[in-house]
Amino acid sequence: MNAELSVWVEISVAILLVLSSLFALLGAVGLVRLKDYFQRMHPPALASTLGAWCAALASIIYFSALKSAPVLHAWLIPILLAITVPVTTLLLARAALFRKRMAGDDVPAEVSSRHKEGRS
């Protein structure tokens, strides 16, 4: 398959792939530079999700131009990432907070429905 693509398609795909790699680098730098676990968990989650969106968009543009028809199945990956990454981040944060509480570290108190409105 030796198809000629438009220069604008090649430029847009290249820009999106460079953006994707920059988001991955940004997430890695945030992972290394931040000191606390709770701070370190956000940059990789956010940056990798944005990077996946850029890479998927680059894939859609490239293969749609190559086949001269819309190719949209690549959206499945970032959509699943957008659903699973926040859930995973929340579960990891709650597990880390539970471990800190069990270790006796100074962390915010647990909020429950019994503590609201003076109910005990």
PDB file of N, CA and C in Angstrom:
ATOM      1  N   MET A   1       0.845  -1.173   0.000  1.00  0.00           N
ATOM      2  CA  MET A   1       0.000   0.000   0.000  1.00  0.00           C
ATOM      3  C   MET A   1       0.891   1.237   0.000  1.00  0.00           C
ATOM      4  N   ASN A   2       1.046   1.834  -1.152  1.00  0.00           N
ATOM      5  CA  ASN A   2       1.923   2.988  -1.284  1.00  0.00           C
ATOM      6  C   ASN A   2       1.078   4.194  -1.679  1.00  0.00           C
ATOM      7  N   ALA A   3       0.402   4.772  -0.708  1.00  0.00           N
ATOM      8  CA  ALA A   3      -0.500   5.896  -0.979  1.00  0.00           C
ATOM      9  C   ALA A   3       0.173   7.201  -0.575  1.00  0.00           C
ATOM     10  N   GLU A   4      -0.072   8.206  -1.384  1.00  0.00           N
ATOM     11  CA  GLU A   4       0.443   9.544  -1.083  1.00  0.00           C
ATOM     12  C   GLU A   4      -0.559  10.267  -0.200  1.00  0.00           C
ATOM     13  N   LEU A   5      -0.072  10.813   0.915  1.00  0.00           N
ATOM     14  CA  LEU A   5      -0.921  11.562   1.816  1.00  0.00           C
ATOM     15  C   LEU A   5      -0.654  13.044   1.661  1.00  0.00           C
ATOM     16  N   SER A   6      -1.648  13.823   1.984  1.00  0.00           N
ATOM     17  CA  SER A   6      -1.522  15.270   1.937  1.00  0.00           C
ATOM     18  C   SER A   6      -0.488  15.729   2.965  1.00  0.00           C
ATOM     19  N   VAL A   7       0.175  16.808   2.627  1.00  0.00           N
ATOM     20  CA  VAL A   7       1.172  17.374   3.539  1.00  0.00           C
ATOM     21  C   VAL A   7       0.509  17.793   4.853  1.00  0.00           C
ATOM     22  N   TRP A   8      -0.719  18.308   4.769  1.00  0.00           N
ATOM     23  CA  TRP A   8      -1.433  18.749   5.976  1.00  0.00           C
ATOM     24  C   TRP A   8      -1.777  17.585   6.882  1.00  0.00           C
ATOM     25  N   VAL A   9      -2.063  16.432   6.302  1.00  0.00           N
ATOM     26  CA  VAL A   9      -2.333  15.237   7.106  1.00  0.00           C
ATOM     27  C   VAL A   9      -1.057  14.811   7.817  1.00  0.00           C
ATOM     28  N   GLU A  10       0.040  14.786   7.100  1.00  0.00           N
ATOM     29  CA  GLU A  10       1.316  14.384   7.703  1.00  0.00           C
ATOM     30  C   GLU A  10       1.759  15.351   8.794  1.00  0.00           C
ATOM     31  N   ILE A  11       1.565  16.652   8.567  1.00  0.00           N
ATOM     32  CA  ILE A  11       1.944  17.645   9.576  1.00  0.00           C
ATOM     33  C   ILE A  11       1.072  17.514  10.822  1.00  0.00           C
ATOM     34  N   SER A  12      -0.238  17.368  10.634  1.00  0.00           N
ATOM     35  CA  SER A  12      -1.120  17.260  11.797  1.00  0.00           C
ATOM     36  C   SER A  12      -0.849  15.982  12.589  1.00  0.00           C
ATOM     37  N   VAL A  13      -0.590  14.879  11.909  1.00  0.00           N
ATOM     38  CA  VAL A  13      -0.266  13.632  12.597  1.00  0.00           C
ATOM     39  C   VAL A  13       1.048  13.772  13.353  1.00  0.00           C
ATOM     40  N   ALA A  14       2.035  14.390  12.730  1.00  0.00           N
ATOM     41  CA  ALA A  14       3.330  14.584  13.393  1.00  0.00           C
ATOM     42  C   ALA A  14       3.191  15.471  14.630  1.00  0.00           C
ATOM     43  N   ILE A  15       2.422  16.544  14.529  1.00  0.00           N
ATOM     44  CA  ILE A  15       2.221  17.438  15.681  1.00  0.00           C
ATOM     45  C   ILE A  15       1.512  16.703  16.814  1.00  0.00           C
ATOM     46  N   LEU A  16       0.488  15.940  16.486  1.00  0.00           N
ATOM     47  CA  LEU A  16      -0.235  15.200  17.518  1.00  0.00           C
ATOM     48  C   LEU A  16       0.644  14.145  18.188  1.00  0.00           C
ATOM     49  N   LEU A  17       1.498  13.484  17.423  1.00  0.00           N
ATOM     50  CA  LEU A  17       2.379  12.484  18.016  1.00  0.00           C
ATOM     51  C   LEU A  17       3.459  13.129  18.880  1.00  0.00           C
ATOM     52  N   VAL A  18       3.960  14.287  18.472  1.00  0.00           N
ATOM     53  CA  VAL A  18       4.929  15.007  19.314  1.00  0.00           C
ATOM     54  C   VAL A  18       4.252  15.479  20.597  1.00  0.00           C
ATOM     55  N   LEU A  19       3.016  15.986  20.499  1.00  0.00           N
ATOM     56  CA  LEU A  19       2.266  16.380  21.695  1.00  0.00           C
ATOM     57  C   LEU A  19       2.050  15.187  22.627  1.00  0.00           C
ATOM     58  N   SER A  20       1.743  14.048  22.052  1.00  0.00           N
ATOM     59  CA  SER A  20       1.548  12.843  22.848  1.00  0.00           C
ATOM     60  C   SER A  20       2.812  12.481  23.624  1.00  0.00           C
ATOM     61  N   SER A  21       3.950  12.556  22.960  1.00  0.00           N
ATOM     62  CA  SER A  21       5.207  12.238  23.644  1.00  0.00           C
ATOM     63  C   SER A  21       5.556  13.293  24.694  1.00  0.00           C
ATOM     64  N   LEU A  22       5.219  14.557  24.434  1.00  0.00           N
ATOM     65  CA  LEU A  22       5.466  15.601  25.431  1.00  0.00           C
ATOM     66  C   LEU A  22       4.589  15.405  26.673  1.00  0.00           C
ATOM     67  N   PHE A  23       3.342  14.976  26.478  1.00  0.00           N
ATOM     68  CA  PHE A  23       2.491  14.678  27.627  1.00  0.00           C
ATOM     69  C   PHE A  23       3.044  13.512  28.437  1.00  0.00           C
ATOM     70  N   ALA A  24       3.566  12.491  27.757  1.00  0.00           N
ATOM     71  CA  ALA A  24       4.177  11.363  28.471  1.00  0.00           C
ATOM     72  C   ALA A  24       5.409  11.813  29.247  1.00  0.00           C
ATOM     73  N   LEU A  25       6.214  12.674  28.648  1.00  0.00           N
ATOM     74  CA  LEU A  25       7.387  13.218  29.342  1.00  0.00           C
ATOM     75  C   LEU A  25       6.977  14.066  30.535  1.00  0.00           C
ATOM     76  N   LEU A  26       5.948  14.866  30.371  1.00  0.00           N
ATOM     77  CA  LEU A  26       5.448  15.701  31.458  1.00  0.00           C
ATOM     78  C   LEU A  26       4.957  14.845  32.628  1.00  0.00           C
ATOM     79  N   GLY A  27       4.253  13.780  32.336  1.00  0.00           N
ATOM     80  CA  GLY A  27       3.802  12.875  33.390  1.00  0.00           C
ATOM     81  C   GLY A  27       4.969  12.208  34.106  1.00  0.00           C
ATOM     82  N   ALA A  28       6.003  11.823  33.359  1.00  0.00           N
ATOM     83  CA  ALA A  28       7.180  11.199  33.978  1.00  0.00           C
ATOM     84  C   ALA A  28       7.940  12.186  34.860  1.00  0.00           C
ATOM     85  N   VAL A  29       8.068  13.422  34.398  1.00  0.00           N
ATOM     86  CA  VAL A  29       8.744  14.439  35.203  1.00  0.00           C
ATOM     87  C   VAL A  29       7.954  14.716  36.479  1.00  0.00           C
ATOM     88  N   GLY A  30       6.634  14.798  36.374  1.00  0.00           N
ATOM     89  CA  GLY A  30       5.805  15.004  37.552  1.00  0.00           C
ATOM     90  C   GLY A  30       5.915  13.844  38.531  1.00  0.00           C
ATOM     91  N   LEU A  31       6.040  12.637  38.015  1.00  0.00           N
ATOM     92  CA  LEU A  31       6.184  11.468  38.858  1.00  0.00           C
ATOM     93  C   LEU A  31       7.494  11.498  39.637  1.00  0.00           C
ATOM     94  N   VAL A  32       8.545  11.978  39.010  1.00  0.00           N
ATOM     95  CA  VAL A  32       9.860  12.012  39.643  1.00  0.00           C
ATOM     96  C   VAL A  32      10.014  13.215  40.573  1.00  0.00           C
ATOM     97  N   ARG A  33       9.513  14.364  40.166  1.00  0.00           N
ATOM     98  CA  ARG A  33       9.777  15.605  40.902  1.00  0.00           C
ATOM     99  C   ARG A  33       8.917  15.820  42.142  1.00  0.00           C
ATOM    100  N   LEU A  34       7.690  15.364  42.137  1.00  0.00           N
ATOM    101  CA  LEU A  34       6.811  15.625  43.267  1.00  0.00           C
ATOM    102  C   LEU A  34       7.152  14.703  44.433  1.00  0.00           C
ATOM    103  N   LYS A  35       6.980  15.213  45.652  1.00  0.00           N
ATOM    104  CA  LYS A  35       7.485  14.521  46.821  1.00  0.00           C
ATOM    105  C   LYS A  35       6.498  13.547  47.462  1.00  0.00           C
ATOM    106  N   ASP A  36       5.241  13.878  47.508  1.00  0.00           N
ATOM    107  CA  ASP A  36       4.246  13.078  48.213  1.00  0.00           C
ATOM    108  C   ASP A  36       3.547  12.124  47.246  1.00  0.00           C
ATOM    109  N   TYR A  37       3.137  10.969  47.750  1.00  0.00           N
ATOM    110  CA  TYR A  37       2.436   9.991  46.910  1.00  0.00           C
ATOM    111  C   TYR A  37       1.169  10.582  46.317  1.00  0.00           C
ATOM    112  N   PHE A  38       0.441  11.337  47.123  1.00  0.00           N
ATOM    113  CA  PHE A  38      -0.826  11.888  46.658  1.00  0.00           C
ATOM    114  C   PHE A  38      -0.622  12.949  45.583  1.00  0.00           C
ATOM    115  N   GLN A  39       0.502  13.634  45.595  1.00  0.00           N
ATOM    116  CA  GLN A  39       0.819  14.573  44.520  1.00  0.00           C
ATOM    117  C   GLN A  39       1.312  13.836  43.284  1.00  0.00           C
ATOM    118  N   ARG A  40       2.079  12.764  43.485  1.00  0.00           N
ATOM    119  CA  ARG A  40       2.670  12.037  42.355  1.00  0.00           C
ATOM    120  C   ARG A  40       1.664  11.253  41.543  1.00  0.00           C
ATOM    121  N   MET A  41       0.502  10.977  42.071  1.00  0.00           N
ATOM    122  CA  MET A  41      -0.431  10.146  41.326  1.00  0.00           C
ATOM    123  C   MET A  41      -1.189  10.902  40.243  1.00  0.00           C
ATOM    124  N   HIS A  42      -1.274  12.213  40.320  1.00  0.00           N
ATOM    125  CA  HIS A  42      -2.061  12.972  39.352  1.00  0.00           C
ATOM    126  C   HIS A  42      -1.367  13.234  38.010  1.00  0.00           C
ATOM    127  N   PRO A  43      -0.108  13.694  37.979  1.00  0.00           N
ATOM    128  CA  PRO A  43       0.493  13.981  36.659  1.00  0.00           C
ATOM    129  C   PRO A  43       0.524  12.802  35.693  1.00  0.00           C
ATOM    130  N   PRO A  44       0.929  11.597  36.124  1.00  0.00           N
ATOM    131  CA  PRO A  44       0.919  10.505  35.144  1.00  0.00           C
ATOM    132  C   PRO A  44      -0.487  10.157  34.662  1.00  0.00           C
ATOM    133  N   ALA A  45      -1.463  10.220  35.554  1.00  0.00           N
ATOM    134  CA  ALA A  45      -2.829   9.877  35.148  1.00  0.00           C
ATOM    135  C   ALA A  45      -3.359  10.885  34.137  1.00  0.00           C
ATOM    136  N   LEU A  46      -3.201  12.155  34.428  1.00  0.00           N
ATOM    137  CA  LEU A  46      -3.715  13.186  33.517  1.00  0.00           C
ATOM    138  C   LEU A  46      -2.921  13.244  32.216  1.00  0.00           C
ATOM    139  N   ALA A  47      -1.604  13.216  32.332  1.00  0.00           N
ATOM    140  CA  ALA A  47      -0.767  13.338  31.138  1.00  0.00           C
ATOM    141  C   ALA A  47      -0.901  12.123  30.226  1.00  0.00           C
ATOM    142  N   SER A  48      -0.972  10.937  30.810  1.00  0.00           N
ATOM    143  CA  SER A  48      -1.096   9.755  29.946  1.00  0.00           C
ATOM    144  C   SER A  48      -2.446   9.723  29.243  1.00  0.00           C
ATOM    145  N   THR A  49      -3.485  10.199  29.910  1.00  0.00           N
ATOM    146  CA  THR A  49      -4.792  10.256  29.262  1.00  0.00           C
ATOM    147  C   THR A  49      -4.780  11.252  28.110  1.00  0.00           C
ATOM    148  N   LEU A  50      -4.216  12.433  28.326  1.00  0.00           N
ATOM    149  CA  LEU A  50      -4.120  13.417  27.240  1.00  0.00           C
ATOM    150  C   LEU A  50      -3.238  12.899  26.100  1.00  0.00           C
ATOM    151  N   GLY A  51      -2.153  12.234  26.458  1.00  0.00           N
ATOM    152  CA  GLY A  51      -1.281  11.659  25.432  1.00  0.00           C
ATOM    153  C   GLY A  51      -1.977  10.591  24.616  1.00  0.00           C
ATOM    154  N   ALA A  52      -2.795   9.779  25.280  1.00  0.00           N
ATOM    155  CA  ALA A  52      -3.541   8.746  24.552  1.00  0.00           C
ATOM    156  C   ALA A  52      -4.569   9.369  23.615  1.00  0.00           C
ATOM    157  N   TRP A  53      -5.210  10.457  24.061  1.00  0.00           N
ATOM    158  CA  TRP A  53      -6.163  11.148  23.177  1.00  0.00           C
ATOM    159  C   TRP A  53      -5.448  11.692  21.946  1.00  0.00           C
ATOM    160  N   CYS A  54      -4.269  12.271  22.127  1.00  0.00           N
ATOM    161  CA  CYS A  54      -3.518  12.812  20.972  1.00  0.00           C
ATOM    162  C   CYS A  54      -3.090  11.691  20.027  1.00  0.00           C
ATOM    163  N   ALA A  55      -2.598  10.598  20.573  1.00  0.00           N
ATOM    164  CA  ALA A  55      -2.163   9.481  19.727  1.00  0.00           C
ATOM    165  C   ALA A  55      -3.350   8.860  18.985  1.00  0.00           C
ATOM    166  N   ALA A  56      -4.494   8.749  19.649  1.00  0.00           N
ATOM    167  CA  ALA A  56      -5.681   8.195  18.984  1.00  0.00           C
ATOM    168  C   ALA A  56      -6.167   9.118  17.871  1.00  0.00           C
ATOM    169  N   LEU A  57      -6.152  10.414  18.135  1.00  0.00           N
ATOM    170  CA  LEU A  57      -6.565  11.363  17.097  1.00  0.00           C
ATOM    171  C   LEU A  57      -5.609  11.314  15.900  1.00  0.00           C
ATOM    172  N   ALA A  58      -4.309  11.192  16.176  1.00  0.00           N
ATOM    173  CA  ALA A  58      -3.333  11.059  15.087  1.00  0.00           C
ATOM    174  C   ALA A  58      -3.602   9.787  14.279  1.00  0.00           C
ATOM    175  N   SER A  59      -3.917   8.698  14.964  1.00  0.00           N
ATOM    176  CA  SER A  59      -4.222   7.438  14.285  1.00  0.00           C
ATOM    177  C   SER A  59      -5.474   7.560  13.422  1.00  0.00           C
ATOM    178  N   ILE A  60      -6.502   8.215  13.973  1.00  0.00           N
ATOM    179  CA  ILE A  60      -7.746   8.391  13.221  1.00  0.00           C
ATOM    180  C   ILE A  60      -7.516   9.228  11.972  1.00  0.00           C
ATOM    181  N   ILE A  61      -6.785  10.324  12.108  1.00  0.00           N
ATOM    182  CA  ILE A  61      -6.516  11.190  10.958  1.00  0.00           C
ATOM    183  C   ILE A  61      -5.712  10.443   9.905  1.00  0.00           C
ATOM    184  N   TYR A  62      -4.658   9.744  10.333  1.00  0.00           N
ATOM    185  CA  TYR A  62      -3.776   9.063   9.390  1.00  0.00           C
ATOM    186  C   TYR A  62      -4.509   7.961   8.623  1.00  0.00           C
ATOM    187  N   PHE A  63      -5.181   7.069   9.364  1.00  0.00           N
ATOM    188  CA  PHE A  63      -5.823   5.935   8.690  1.00  0.00           C
ATOM    189  C   PHE A  63      -7.081   6.346   7.939  1.00  0.00           C
ATOM    190  N   SER A  64      -7.746   7.404   8.376  1.00  0.00           N
ATOM    191  CA  SER A  64      -8.893   7.908   7.609  1.00  0.00           C
ATOM    192  C   SER A  64      -8.419   8.501   6.290  1.00  0.00           C
ATOM    193  N   ALA A  65      -7.310   9.214   6.314  1.00  0.00           N
ATOM    194  CA  ALA A  65      -6.769   9.775   5.073  1.00  0.00           C
ATOM    195  C   ALA A  65      -6.227   8.668   4.172  1.00  0.00           C
ATOM    196  N   LEU A  66      -5.642   7.638   4.769  1.00  0.00           N
ATOM    197  CA  LEU A  66      -5.077   6.536   3.990  1.00  0.00           C
ATOM    198  C   LEU A  66      -6.167   5.731   3.284  1.00  0.00           C
ATOM    199  N   LYS A  67      -7.292   5.488   3.981  1.00  0.00           N
ATOM    200  CA  LYS A  67      -8.379   4.694   3.406  1.00  0.00           C
ATOM    201  C   LYS A  67      -9.443   5.544   2.721  1.00  0.00           C
ATOM    202  N   SER A  68      -9.347   6.867   2.847  1.00  0.00           N
ATOM    203  CA  SER A  68     -10.340   7.793   2.300  1.00  0.00           C
ATOM    204  C   SER A  68     -11.743   7.513   2.841  1.00  0.00           C
ATOM    205  N   ALA A  69     -11.795   7.074   4.082  1.00  0.00           N
ATOM    206  CA  ALA A  69     -13.064   6.817   4.769  1.00  0.00           C
ATOM    207  C   ALA A  69     -12.820   6.987   6.267  1.00  0.00           C
ATOM    208  N   PRO A  70     -13.842   7.366   7.009  1.00  0.00           N
ATOM    209  CA  PRO A  70     -13.644   7.550   8.447  1.00  0.00           C
ATOM    210  C   PRO A  70     -13.290   6.236   9.154  1.00  0.00           C
ATOM    211  N   VAL A  71     -12.245   6.278   9.941  1.00  0.00           N
ATOM    212  CA  VAL A  71     -11.817   5.145  10.757  1.00  0.00           C
ATOM    213  C   VAL A  71     -11.880   5.612  12.206  1.00  0.00           C
ATOM    214  N   LEU A  72     -12.902   5.162  12.922  1.00  0.00           N
ATOM    215  CA  LEU A  72     -13.149   5.700  14.259  1.00  0.00           C
ATOM    216  C   LEU A  72     -12.925   4.698  15.385  1.00  0.00           C
ATOM    217  N   HIS A  73     -12.555   3.462  15.089  1.00  0.00           N
ATOM    218  CA  HIS A  73     -12.415   2.476  16.163  1.00  0.00           C
ATOM    219  C   HIS A  73     -11.254   2.779  17.102  1.00  0.00           C
ATOM    220  N   ALA A  74     -10.340   3.658  16.709  1.00  0.00           N
ATOM    221  CA  ALA A  74      -9.229   4.027  17.586  1.00  0.00           C
ATOM    222  C   ALA A  74      -9.704   4.846  18.789  1.00  0.00           C
ATOM    223  N   TRP A  75     -10.906   5.404  18.733  1.00  0.00           N
ATOM    224  CA  TRP A  75     -11.443   6.166  19.872  1.00  0.00           C
ATOM    225  C   TRP A  75     -11.746   5.277  21.060  1.00  0.00           C
ATOM    226  N   LEU A  76     -11.856   3.983  20.848  1.00  0.00           N
ATOM    227  CA  LEU A  76     -12.176   3.069  21.937  1.00  0.00           C
ATOM    228  C   LEU A  76     -11.116   3.115  23.042  1.00  0.00           C
ATOM    229  N   ILE A  77      -9.859   3.219  22.686  1.00  0.00           N
ATOM    230  CA  ILE A  77      -8.782   3.236  23.676  1.00  0.00           C
ATOM    231  C   ILE A  77      -8.864   4.459  24.588  1.00  0.00           C
ATOM    232  N   PRO A  78      -8.902   5.697  24.069  1.00  0.00           N
ATOM    233  CA  PRO A  78      -8.974   6.831  25.006  1.00  0.00           C
ATOM    234  C   PRO A  78     -10.294   6.913  25.766  1.00  0.00           C
ATOM    235  N   ILE A  79     -11.380   6.417  25.175  1.00  0.00           N
ATOM    236  CA  ILE A  79     -12.647   6.436  25.905  1.00  0.00           C
ATOM    237  C   ILE A  79     -12.571   5.484  27.105  1.00  0.00           C
ATOM    238  N   LEU A  80     -12.013   4.305  26.898  1.00  0.00           N
ATOM    239  CA  LEU A  80     -11.842   3.382  28.023  1.00  0.00           C
ATOM    240  C   LEU A  80     -10.860   3.931  29.052  1.00  0.00           C
ATOM    241  N   LEU A  81      -9.817   4.603  28.601  1.00  0.00           N
ATOM    242  CA  LEU A  81      -8.882   5.241  29.538  1.00  0.00           C
ATOM    243  C   LEU A  81      -9.567   6.342  30.334  1.00  0.00           C
ATOM    244  N   ALA A  82     -10.407   7.123  29.677  1.00  0.00           N
ATOM    245  CA  ALA A  82     -11.110   8.201  30.374  1.00  0.00           C
ATOM    246  C   ALA A  82     -12.057   7.661  31.429  1.00  0.00           C
ATOM    247  N   ILE A  83     -12.540   6.446  31.246  1.00  0.00           N
ATOM    248  CA  ILE A  83     -13.423   5.831  32.233  1.00  0.00           C
ATOM    249  C   ILE A  83     -12.625   5.177  33.359  1.00  0.00           C
ATOM    250  N   THR A  84     -11.571   4.454  33.013  1.00  0.00           N
ATOM    251  CA  THR A  84     -10.869   3.645  34.014  1.00  0.00           C
ATOM    252  C   THR A  84      -9.818   4.395  34.814  1.00  0.00           C
ATOM    253  N   VAL A  85      -9.142   5.380  34.238  1.00  0.00           N
ATOM    254  CA  VAL A  85      -8.070   6.077  34.954  1.00  0.00           C
ATOM    255  C   VAL A  85      -8.586   6.810  36.192  1.00  0.00           C
ATOM    256  N   PRO A  86      -9.678   7.567  36.141  1.00  0.00           N
ATOM    257  CA  PRO A  86     -10.144   8.211  37.372  1.00  0.00           C
ATOM    258  C   PRO A  86     -10.559   7.212  38.455  1.00  0.00           C
ATOM    259  N   VAL A  87     -11.165   6.111  38.056  1.00  0.00           N
ATOM    260  CA  VAL A  87     -11.579   5.098  39.034  1.00  0.00           C
ATOM    261  C   VAL A  87     -10.349   4.477  39.690  1.00  0.00           C
ATOM    262  N   THR A  88      -9.355   4.129  38.889  1.00  0.00           N
ATOM    263  CA  THR A  88      -8.133   3.554  39.424  1.00  0.00           C
ATOM    264  C   THR A  88      -7.416   4.535  40.338  1.00  0.00           C
ATOM    265  N   THR A  89      -7.346   5.799  39.933  1.00  0.00           N
ATOM    266  CA  THR A  89      -6.695   6.822  40.750  1.00  0.00           C
ATOM    267  C   THR A  89      -7.410   6.968  42.088  1.00  0.00           C
ATOM    268  N   LEU A  90      -8.724   6.975  42.066  1.00  0.00           N
ATOM    269  CA  LEU A  90      -9.490   7.089  43.305  1.00  0.00           C
ATOM    270  C   LEU A  90      -9.246   5.894  44.221  1.00  0.00           C
ATOM    271  N   LEU A  91      -9.252   4.694  43.674  1.00  0.00           N
ATOM    272  CA  LEU A  91      -9.019   3.506  44.486  1.00  0.00           C
ATOM    273  C   LEU A  91      -7.610   3.488  45.077  1.00  0.00           C
ATOM    274  N   LEU A  92      -6.608   3.885  44.298  1.00  0.00           N
ATOM    275  CA  LEU A  92      -5.246   3.948  44.823  1.00  0.00           C
ATOM    276  C   LEU A  92      -5.115   5.003  45.914  1.00  0.00           C
ATOM    277  N   ALA A  93      -5.775   6.147  45.741  1.00  0.00           N
ATOM    278  CA  ALA A  93      -5.723   7.200  46.758  1.00  0.00           C
ATOM    279  C   ALA A  93      -6.389   6.740  48.044  1.00  0.00           C
ATOM    280  N   ARG A  94      -7.518   6.073  47.933  1.00  0.00           N
ATOM    281  CA  ARG A  94      -8.218   5.598  49.137  1.00  0.00           C
ATOM    282  C   ARG A  94      -7.402   4.520  49.844  1.00  0.00           C
ATOM    283  N   ALA A  95      -6.754   3.641  49.093  1.00  0.00           N
ATOM    284  CA  ALA A  95      -5.922   2.610  49.706  1.00  0.00           C
ATOM    285  C   ALA A  95      -4.724   3.240  50.420  1.00  0.00           C
ATOM    286  N   ALA A  96      -4.099   4.242  49.798  1.00  0.00           N
ATOM    287  CA  ALA A  96      -2.963   4.913  50.434  1.00  0.00           C
ATOM    288  C   ALA A  96      -3.397   5.670  51.676  1.00  0.00           C
ATOM    289  N   LEU A  97      -4.554   6.300  51.631  1.00  0.00           N
ATOM    290  CA  LEU A  97      -5.073   7.018  52.794  1.00  0.00           C
ATOM    291  C   LEU A  97      -5.398   6.037  53.931  1.00  0.00           C
ATOM    292  N   PHE A  98      -5.960   4.890  53.593  1.00  0.00           N
ATOM    293  CA  PHE A  98      -6.245   3.863  54.596  1.00  0.00           C
ATOM    294  C   PHE A  98      -4.957   3.373  55.257  1.00  0.00           C
ATOM    295  N   ARG A  99      -3.922   3.144  54.452  1.00  0.00           N
ATOM    296  CA  ARG A  99      -2.640   2.691  54.999  1.00  0.00           C
ATOM    297  C   ARG A  99      -2.031   3.735  55.910  1.00  0.00           C
ATOM    298  N   LYS A 100      -2.139   5.022  55.535  1.00  0.00           N
ATOM    299  CA  LYS A 100      -1.617   6.089  56.392  1.00  0.00           C
ATOM    300  C   LYS A 100      -2.385   6.151  57.708  1.00  0.00           C
ATOM    301  N   ARG A 101      -3.695   5.961  57.654  1.00  0.00           N
ATOM    302  CA  ARG A 101      -4.493   5.965  58.890  1.00  0.00           C
ATOM    303  C   ARG A 101      -4.108   4.800  59.787  1.00  0.00           C
ATOM    304  N   MET A 102      -3.897   3.619  59.202  1.00  0.00           N
ATOM    305  CA  MET A 102      -3.524   2.454  59.988  1.00  0.00           C
ATOM    306  C   MET A 102      -2.125   2.598  60.585  1.00  0.00           C
ATOM    307  N   ALA A 103      -1.261   3.354  59.919  1.00  0.00           N
ATOM    308  CA  ALA A 103       0.094   3.572  60.426  1.00  0.00           C
ATOM    309  C   ALA A 103       0.121   4.657  61.499  1.00  0.00           C
ATOM    310  N   GLY A 104      -1.000   5.360  61.680  1.00  0.00           N
ATOM    311  CA  GLY A 104      -1.066   6.402  62.695  1.00  0.00           C
ATOM    312  C   GLY A 104      -0.561   7.750  62.225  1.00  0.00           C
ATOM    313  N   ASP A 105      -0.404   7.926  60.934  1.00  0.00           N
ATOM    314  CA  ASP A 105       0.043   9.220  60.409  1.00  0.00           C
ATOM    315  C   ASP A 105      -1.058  10.257  60.548  1.00  0.00           C
ATOM    316  N   ASP A 106      -0.659  11.514  60.509  1.00  0.00           N
ATOM    317  CA  ASP A 106      -1.609  12.613  60.621  1.00  0.00           C
ATOM    318  C   ASP A 106      -2.272  12.847  59.263  1.00  0.00           C
ATOM    319  N   VAL A 107      -3.504  12.378  59.142  1.00  0.00           N
ATOM    320  CA  VAL A 107      -4.280  12.549  57.905  1.00  0.00           C
ATOM    321  C   VAL A 107      -5.662  13.068  58.282  1.00  0.00           C
ATOM    322  N   PRO A 108      -6.393  13.624  57.332  1.00  0.00           N
ATOM    323  CA  PRO A 108      -7.743  14.097  57.637  1.00  0.00           C
ATOM    324  C   PRO A 108      -8.629  12.958  58.143  1.00  0.00           C
ATOM    325  N   ALA A 109      -9.561  13.301  59.000  1.00  0.00           N
ATOM    326  CA  ALA A 109     -10.469  12.303  59.558  1.00  0.00           C
ATOM    327  C   ALA A 109     -11.400  11.772  58.481  1.00  0.00           C
ATOM    328  N   GLU A 110     -11.861  10.570  58.699  1.00  0.00           N
ATOM    329  CA  GLU A 110     -12.796   9.958  57.764  1.00  0.00           C
ATOM    330  C   GLU A 110     -14.151  10.641  57.881  1.00  0.00           C
ATOM    331  N   VAL A 111     -14.783  10.891  56.748  1.00  0.00           N
ATOM    332  CA  VAL A 111     -16.085  11.544  56.726  1.00  0.00           C
ATOM    333  C   VAL A 111     -17.137  10.462  56.538  1.00  0.00           C
ATOM    334  N   SER A 112     -18.106  10.448  57.412  1.00  0.00           N
ATOM    335  CA  SER A 112     -19.200   9.495  57.268  1.00  0.00           C
ATOM    336  C   SER A 112     -20.522  10.229  57.446  1.00  0.00           C
ATOM    337  N   SER A 113     -21.607   9.586  57.106  1.00  0.00           N
ATOM    338  CA  SER A 113     -22.914  10.238  57.187  1.00  0.00           C
ATOM    339  C   SER A 113     -23.336  10.465  58.637  1.00  0.00           C
ATOM    340  N   ARG A 114     -22.815   9.696  59.592  1.00  0.00           N
ATOM    341  CA  ARG A 114     -23.177   9.865  60.995  1.00  0.00           C
ATOM    342  C   ARG A 114     -22.613  11.161  61.579  1.00  0.00           C
ATOM    343  N   HIS A 115     -21.504  11.645  61.041  1.00  0.00           N
ATOM    344  CA  HIS A 115     -20.875  12.851  61.564  1.00  0.00           C
ATOM    345  C   HIS A 115     -21.546  14.139  61.064  1.00  0.00           C
ATOM    346  N   LYS A 116     -22.356  14.027  60.045  1.00  0.00           N
ATOM    347  CA  LYS A 116     -23.034  15.204  59.496  1.00  0.00           C
ATOM    348  C   LYS A 116     -24.219  15.566  60.353  1.00  0.00           C
ATOM    349  N   GLU A 117     -24.506  16.829  60.457  1.00  0.00           N
ATOM    350  CA  GLU A 117     -25.699  17.346  61.155  1.00  0.00           C
ATOM    351  C   GLU A 117     -25.771  16.929  62.613  1.00  0.00           C
ATOM    352  N   GLY A 118     -24.654  16.614  63.256  1.00  0.00           N
ATOM    353  CA  GLY A 118     -24.638  16.317  64.678  1.00  0.00           C
ATOM    354  C   GLY A 118     -25.206  14.962  65.046  1.00  0.00           C
ATOM    355  N   ARG A 119     -25.397  14.068  64.062  1.00  0.00           N
ATOM    356  CA  ARG A 119     -25.896  12.725  64.354  1.00  0.00           C
ATOM    357  C   ARG A 119     -24.759  11.871  64.887  1.00  0.00           C
ATOM    358  N   SER A 120     -25.027  11.059  65.889  1.00  0.00           N
ATOM    359  CA  SER A 120     -24.006  10.160  66.410  1.00  0.00           C
ATOM    360  C   SER A 120     -24.548   8.770  66.594  1.00  0.00           C
TER     361      SER A 120
END
